[in-house]
């Protein structure tokens, strides 16, 4: 099965203390904050429903002009 690349930018406003926490947690794992948050989202999506692994988000084309 071929996997498509998918990039989407989401801006999240957090307090300085949360930003520091995310930076420290990501650094402990040797990854970027973006990768750490992406892993959290993927883990949350996989654990929903009947606890079976699910593909991340159903990928679809963004609306024209977005």
PDB file of N, CA and C in Angstrom:
ATOM      1  N   UNK A   1       0.843  -1.176   0.000  1.00  0.00           N
ATOM      2  CA  UNK A   1       0.000   0.000   0.000  1.00  0.00           C
ATOM      3  C   UNK A   1       0.888   1.239   0.000  1.00  0.00           C
ATOM      4  N   UNK A   2       0.595   2.136  -0.893  1.00  0.00           N
ATOM      5  CA  UNK A   2       1.405   3.329  -1.011  1.00  0.00           C
ATOM      6  C   UNK A   2       0.890   4.405  -0.078  1.00  0.00           C
ATOM      7  N   UNK A   3       1.796   5.108   0.558  1.00  0.00           N
ATOM      8  CA  UNK A   3       1.397   6.137   1.512  1.00  0.00           C
ATOM      9  C   UNK A   3       1.637   7.508   0.904  1.00  0.00           C
ATOM     10  N   UNK A   4       0.620   8.356   0.966  1.00  0.00           N
ATOM     11  CA  UNK A   4       0.754   9.705   0.425  1.00  0.00           C
ATOM     12  C   UNK A   4       1.375  10.619   1.464  1.00  0.00           C
ATOM     13  N   UNK A   5       2.139  11.585   1.004  1.00  0.00           N
ATOM     14  CA  UNK A   5       2.637  12.613   1.908  1.00  0.00           C
ATOM     15  C   UNK A   5       1.518  13.591   2.216  1.00  0.00           C
ATOM     16  N   UNK A   6       1.547  14.135   3.405  1.00  0.00           N
ATOM     17  CA  UNK A   6       0.485  15.055   3.796  1.00  0.00           C
ATOM     18  C   UNK A   6       1.066  16.081   4.748  1.00  0.00           C
ATOM     19  N   UNK A   7       0.927  17.349   4.425  1.00  0.00           N
ATOM     20  CA  UNK A   7       1.406  18.414   5.299  1.00  0.00           C
ATOM     21  C   UNK A   7       0.273  19.372   5.584  1.00  0.00           C
ATOM     22  N   UNK A   8       0.135  19.728   6.827  1.00  0.00           N
ATOM     23  CA  UNK A   8      -0.868  20.703   7.217  1.00  0.00           C
ATOM     24  C   UNK A   8      -0.301  21.492   8.381  1.00  0.00           C
ATOM     25  N   UNK A   9      -0.468  22.805   8.345  1.00  0.00           N
ATOM     26  CA  UNK A   9       0.032  23.652   9.416  1.00  0.00           C
ATOM     27  C   UNK A   9      -1.119  24.064  10.307  1.00  0.00           C
ATOM     28  N   UNK A  10      -0.934  23.878  11.591  1.00  0.00           N
ATOM     29  CA  UNK A  10      -1.928  24.289  12.574  1.00  0.00           C
ATOM     30  C   UNK A  10      -1.212  25.138  13.610  1.00  0.00           C
ATOM     31  N   UNK A  11      -1.720  26.323  13.861  1.00  0.00           N
ATOM     32  CA  UNK A  11      -1.137  27.195  14.882  1.00  0.00           C
ATOM     33  C   UNK A  11      -1.888  26.995  16.191  1.00  0.00           C
ATOM     34  N   UNK A  12      -1.129  26.841  17.264  1.00  0.00           N
ATOM     35  CA  UNK A  12      -1.723  26.656  18.587  1.00  0.00           C
ATOM     36  C   UNK A  12      -1.084  27.659  19.533  1.00  0.00           C
ATOM     37  N   UNK A  13      -1.916  28.444  20.210  1.00  0.00           N
ATOM     38  CA  UNK A  13      -1.393  29.419  21.157  1.00  0.00           C
ATOM     39  C   UNK A  13      -1.383  28.783  22.546  1.00  0.00           C
ATOM     40  N   UNK A  14      -0.206  28.748  23.158  1.00  0.00           N
ATOM     41  CA  UNK A  14      -0.071  28.178  24.498  1.00  0.00           C
ATOM     42  C   UNK A  14       0.722  29.148  25.372  1.00  0.00           C
ATOM     43  N   UNK A  15       0.608  28.964  26.672  1.00  0.00           N
ATOM     44  CA  UNK A  15       1.371  29.805  27.601  1.00  0.00           C
ATOM     45  C   UNK A  15       2.854  29.447  27.511  1.00  0.00           C
ATOM     46  N   UNK A  16       3.687  30.325  28.043  1.00  0.00           N
ATOM     47  CA  UNK A  16       5.132  30.072  28.012  1.00  0.00           C
ATOM     48  C   UNK A  16       5.493  28.799  28.762  1.00  0.00           C
ATOM     49  N   UNK A  17       4.808  28.533  29.869  1.00  0.00           N
ATOM     50  CA  UNK A  17       5.139  27.335  30.651  1.00  0.00           C
ATOM     51  C   UNK A  17       4.792  26.060  29.883  1.00  0.00           C
ATOM     52  N   UNK A  18       3.674  26.072  29.148  1.00  0.00           N
ATOM     53  CA  UNK A  18       3.310  24.902  28.334  1.00  0.00           C
ATOM     54  C   UNK A  18       4.296  24.743  27.180  1.00  0.00           C
ATOM     55  N   UNK A  19       4.698  25.857  26.580  1.00  0.00           N
ATOM     56  CA  UNK A  19       5.679  25.797  25.490  1.00  0.00           C
ATOM     57  C   UNK A  19       6.994  25.199  25.994  1.00  0.00           C
ATOM     58  N   UNK A  20       7.426  25.608  27.192  1.00  0.00           N
ATOM     59  CA  UNK A  20       8.654  25.050  27.774  1.00  0.00           C
ATOM     60  C   UNK A  20       8.502  23.556  28.049  1.00  0.00           C
ATOM     61  N   UNK A  21       7.348  23.172  28.578  1.00  0.00           N
ATOM     62  CA  UNK A  21       7.096  21.758  28.861  1.00  0.00           C
ATOM     63  C   UNK A  21       7.159  20.927  27.583  1.00  0.00           C
ATOM     64  N   UNK A  22       6.486  21.397  26.527  1.00  0.00           N
ATOM     65  CA  UNK A  22       6.502  20.673  25.251  1.00  0.00           C
ATOM     66  C   UNK A  22       7.921  20.579  24.696  1.00  0.00           C
ATOM     67  N   UNK A  23       8.673  21.679  24.800  1.00  0.00           N
ATOM     68  CA  UNK A  23      10.050  21.678  24.299  1.00  0.00           C
ATOM     69  C   UNK A  23      10.906  20.672  25.069  1.00  0.00           C
ATOM     70  N   UNK A  24      10.731  20.615  26.391  1.00  0.00           N
ATOM     71  CA  UNK A  24      11.514  19.672  27.201  1.00  0.00           C
ATOM     72  C   UNK A  24      11.142  18.227  26.890  1.00  0.00           C
ATOM     73  N   UNK A  25       9.850  17.944  26.773  1.00  0.00           N
ATOM     74  CA  UNK A  25       9.413  16.580  26.473  1.00  0.00           C
ATOM     75  C   UNK A  25       9.916  16.127  25.102  1.00  0.00           C
ATOM     76  N   UNK A  26       9.847  17.033  24.125  1.00  0.00           N
ATOM     77  CA  UNK A  26      10.333  16.696  22.785  1.00  0.00           C
ATOM     78  C   UNK A  26      11.847  16.476  22.795  1.00  0.00           C
ATOM     79  N   UNK A  27      12.569  17.344  23.518  1.00  0.00           N
ATOM     80  CA  UNK A  27      14.028  17.228  23.571  1.00  0.00           C
ATOM     81  C   UNK A  27      14.456  15.912  24.221  1.00  0.00           C
ATOM     82  N   UNK A  28      13.713  15.458  25.233  1.00  0.00           N
ATOM     83  CA  UNK A  28      14.029  14.183  25.882  1.00  0.00           C
ATOM     84  C   UNK A  28      13.954  13.027  24.892  1.00  0.00           C
ATOM     85  N   UNK A  29      13.096  13.165  23.904  1.00  0.00           N
ATOM     86  CA  UNK A  29      12.925  12.101  22.906  1.00  0.00           C
ATOM     87  C   UNK A  29      13.759  12.351  21.647  1.00  0.00           C
ATOM     88  N   UNK A  30      14.430  13.497  21.612  1.00  0.00           N
ATOM     89  CA  UNK A  30      15.274  13.815  20.467  1.00  0.00           C
ATOM     90  C   UNK A  30      14.498  14.149  19.209  1.00  0.00           C
ATOM     91  N   UNK A  31      13.291  14.714  19.377  1.00  0.00           N
ATOM     92  CA  UNK A  31      12.463  15.085  18.227  1.00  0.00           C
ATOM     93  C   UNK A  31      12.023  16.538  18.370  1.00  0.00           C
ATOM     94  N   UNK A  32      11.441  17.069  17.317  1.00  0.00           N
ATOM     95  CA  UNK A  32      10.950  18.445  17.368  1.00  0.00           C
ATOM     96  C   UNK A  32       9.612  18.500  18.100  1.00  0.00           C
ATOM     97  N   UNK A  33       9.243  19.703  18.517  1.00  0.00           N
ATOM     98  CA  UNK A  33       7.944  19.885  19.172  1.00  0.00           C
ATOM     99  C   UNK A  33       6.824  19.506  18.206  1.00  0.00           C
ATOM    100  N   UNK A  34       6.968  19.865  16.942  1.00  0.00           N
ATOM    101  CA  UNK A  34       5.948  19.510  15.944  1.00  0.00           C
ATOM    102  C   UNK A  34       5.767  17.998  15.859  1.00  0.00           C
ATOM    103  N   UNK A  35       6.869  17.271  15.820  1.00  0.00           N
ATOM    104  CA  UNK A  35       6.791  15.809  15.749  1.00  0.00           C
ATOM    105  C   UNK A  35       6.176  15.243  17.024  1.00  0.00           C
ATOM    106  N   UNK A  36       6.506  15.836  18.172  1.00  0.00           N
ATOM    107  CA  UNK A  36       5.950  15.366  19.445  1.00  0.00           C
ATOM    108  C   UNK A  36       4.431  15.539  19.460  1.00  0.00           C
ATOM    109  N   UNK A  37       3.957  16.704  19.030  1.00  0.00           N
ATOM    110  CA  UNK A  37       2.510  16.964  19.001  1.00  0.00           C
ATOM    111  C   UNK A  37       1.833  16.051  17.991  1.00  0.00           C
ATOM    112  N   UNK A  38       2.461  15.845  16.829  1.00  0.00           N
ATOM    113  CA  UNK A  38       1.901  14.939  15.823  1.00  0.00           C
ATOM    114  C   UNK A  38       1.754  13.523  16.391  1.00  0.00           C
ATOM    115  N   UNK A  39       2.755  13.078  17.147  1.00  0.00           N
ATOM    116  CA  UNK A  39       2.684  11.755  17.778  1.00  0.00           C
ATOM    117  C   UNK A  39       1.545  11.680  18.785  1.00  0.00           C
ATOM    118  N   UNK A  40       1.340  12.760  19.556  1.00  0.00           N
ATOM    119  CA  UNK A  40       0.232  12.786  20.519  1.00  0.00           C
ATOM    120  C   UNK A  40      -1.110  12.678  19.808  1.00  0.00           C
ATOM    121  N   UNK A  41      -1.263  13.421  18.715  1.00  0.00           N
ATOM    122  CA  UNK A  41      -2.519  13.395  17.958  1.00  0.00           C
ATOM    123  C   UNK A  41      -2.751  12.004  17.384  1.00  0.00           C
ATOM    124  N   UNK A  42      -1.717  11.424  16.777  1.00  0.00           N
ATOM    125  CA  UNK A  42      -1.858  10.083  16.195  1.00  0.00           C
ATOM    126  C   UNK A  42      -2.205   9.048  17.258  1.00  0.00           C
ATOM    127  N   UNK A  43      -1.573   9.144  18.426  1.00  0.00           N
ATOM    128  CA  UNK A  43      -1.857   8.195  19.508  1.00  0.00           C
ATOM    129  C   UNK A  43      -3.296   8.350  19.983  1.00  0.00           C
ATOM    130  N   UNK A  44      -3.772   9.582  20.070  1.00  0.00           N
ATOM    131  CA  UNK A  44      -5.155   9.818  20.488  1.00  0.00           C
ATOM    132  C   UNK A  44      -6.145   9.275  19.486  1.00  0.00           C
ATOM    133  N   UNK A  45      -5.843   9.429  18.208  1.00  0.00           N
ATOM    134  CA  UNK A  45      -6.746   8.923  17.173  1.00  0.00           C
ATOM    135  C   UNK A  45      -6.769   7.403  17.166  1.00  0.00           C
ATOM    136  N   UNK A  46      -5.606   6.776  17.403  1.00  0.00           N
ATOM    137  CA  UNK A  46      -5.551   5.314  17.412  1.00  0.00           C
ATOM    138  C   UNK A  46      -6.295   4.722  18.599  1.00  0.00           C
ATOM    139  N   UNK A  47      -6.370   5.481  19.700  1.00  0.00           N
ATOM    140  CA  UNK A  47      -6.973   4.913  20.909  1.00  0.00           C
ATOM    141  C   UNK A  47      -8.472   5.187  21.018  1.00  0.00           C
ATOM    142  N   UNK A  48      -9.063   5.768  20.000  1.00  0.00           N
ATOM    143  CA  UNK A  48     -10.497   6.042  20.048  1.00  0.00           C
ATOM    144  C   UNK A  48     -11.284   4.821  19.589  1.00  0.00           C
ATOM    145  N   UNK A  49     -12.552   4.810  19.882  1.00  0.00           N
ATOM    146  CA  UNK A  49     -13.414   3.742  19.386  1.00  0.00           C
ATOM    147  C   UNK A  49     -13.158   2.424  20.075  1.00  0.00           C
ATOM    148  N   UNK A  50     -13.019   1.369  19.291  1.00  0.00           N
ATOM    149  CA  UNK A  50     -12.887   0.023  19.855  1.00  0.00           C
ATOM    150  C   UNK A  50     -11.432  -0.363  20.126  1.00  0.00           C
ATOM    151  N   UNK A  51     -10.579   0.622  20.267  1.00  0.00           N
ATOM    152  CA  UNK A  51      -9.166   0.423  20.610  1.00  0.00           C
ATOM    153  C   UNK A  51      -8.358  -0.299  19.539  1.00  0.00           C
ATOM    154  N   UNK A  52      -8.866  -0.375  18.335  1.00  0.00           N
ATOM    155  CA  UNK A  52      -8.065  -0.932  17.247  1.00  0.00           C
ATOM    156  C   UNK A  52      -7.290   0.205  16.608  1.00  0.00           C
ATOM    157  N   UNK A  53      -6.107  -0.119  16.123  1.00  0.00           N
ATOM    158  CA  UNK A  53      -5.330   0.915  15.442  1.00  0.00           C
ATOM    159  C   UNK A  53      -6.099   1.417  14.241  1.00  0.00           C
ATOM    160  N   UNK A  54      -6.105   2.701  14.095  1.00  0.00           N
ATOM    161  CA  UNK A  54      -6.807   3.331  12.980  1.00  0.00           C
ATOM    162  C   UNK A  54      -5.803   4.188  12.216  1.00  0.00           C
ATOM    163  N   UNK A  55      -6.024   4.373  10.933  1.00  0.00           N
ATOM    164  CA  UNK A  55      -5.151   5.303  10.215  1.00  0.00           C
ATOM    165  C   UNK A  55      -5.293   6.687  10.826  1.00  0.00           C
ATOM    166  N   UNK A  56      -4.297   7.501  10.707  1.00  0.00           N
ATOM    167  CA  UNK A  56      -4.363   8.829  11.320  1.00  0.00           C
ATOM    168  C   UNK A  56      -5.645   9.531  10.896  1.00  0.00           C
ATOM    169  N   UNK A  57      -5.601  10.596  10.223  1.00  0.00           N
ATOM    170  CA  UNK A  57      -6.824  11.282   9.802  1.00  0.00           C
ATOM    171  C   UNK A  57      -7.089  10.882   8.358  1.00  0.00           C
ATOM    172  N   UNK A  58      -8.339  10.687   8.014  1.00  0.00           N
ATOM    173  CA  UNK A  58      -8.631  10.371   6.614  1.00  0.00           C
ATOM    174  C   UNK A  58      -8.175  11.558   5.782  1.00  0.00           C
ATOM    175  N   UNK A  59      -7.242  11.297   4.912  1.00  0.00           N
ATOM    176  CA  UNK A  59      -6.643  12.391   4.135  1.00  0.00           C
ATOM    177  C   UNK A  59      -7.572  12.782   2.996  1.00  0.00           C
ATOM    178  N   UNK A  60      -7.800  14.050   2.863  1.00  0.00           N
ATOM    179  CA  UNK A  60      -8.586  14.524   1.733  1.00  0.00           C
ATOM    180  C   UNK A  60      -8.014  15.859   1.296  1.00  0.00           C
ATOM    181  N   UNK A  61      -8.323  16.214   0.088  1.00  0.00           N
ATOM    182  CA  UNK A  61      -7.773  17.454  -0.442  1.00  0.00           C
ATOM    183  C   UNK A  61      -8.395  18.649   0.266  1.00  0.00           C
ATOM    184  N   UNK A  62      -7.575  19.655   0.581  1.00  0.00           N
ATOM    185  CA  UNK A  62      -8.148  20.848   1.204  1.00  0.00           C
ATOM    186  C   UNK A  62      -9.044  21.587   0.212  1.00  0.00           C
ATOM    187  N   UNK A  63      -9.955  22.358   0.729  1.00  0.00           N
ATOM    188  CA  UNK A  63     -10.823  23.147  -0.138  1.00  0.00           C
ATOM    189  C   UNK A  63      -9.986  24.135  -0.922  1.00  0.00           C
ATOM    190  N   UNK A  64     -10.394  24.402  -2.133  1.00  0.00           N
ATOM    191  CA  UNK A  64      -9.655  25.336  -2.972  1.00  0.00           C
ATOM    192  C   UNK A  64      -9.630  26.708  -2.296  1.00  0.00           C
ATOM    193  N   UNK A  65      -8.447  27.317  -2.273  1.00  0.00           N
ATOM    194  CA  UNK A  65      -8.312  28.644  -1.691  1.00  0.00           C
ATOM    195  C   UNK A  65      -7.931  28.624  -0.216  1.00  0.00           C
ATOM    196  N   UNK A  66      -7.810  27.435   0.377  1.00  0.00           N
ATOM    197  CA  UNK A  66      -7.406  27.370   1.783  1.00  0.00           C
ATOM    198  C   UNK A  66      -5.929  27.125   1.871  1.00  0.00           C
TER     199      UNK A  66
END
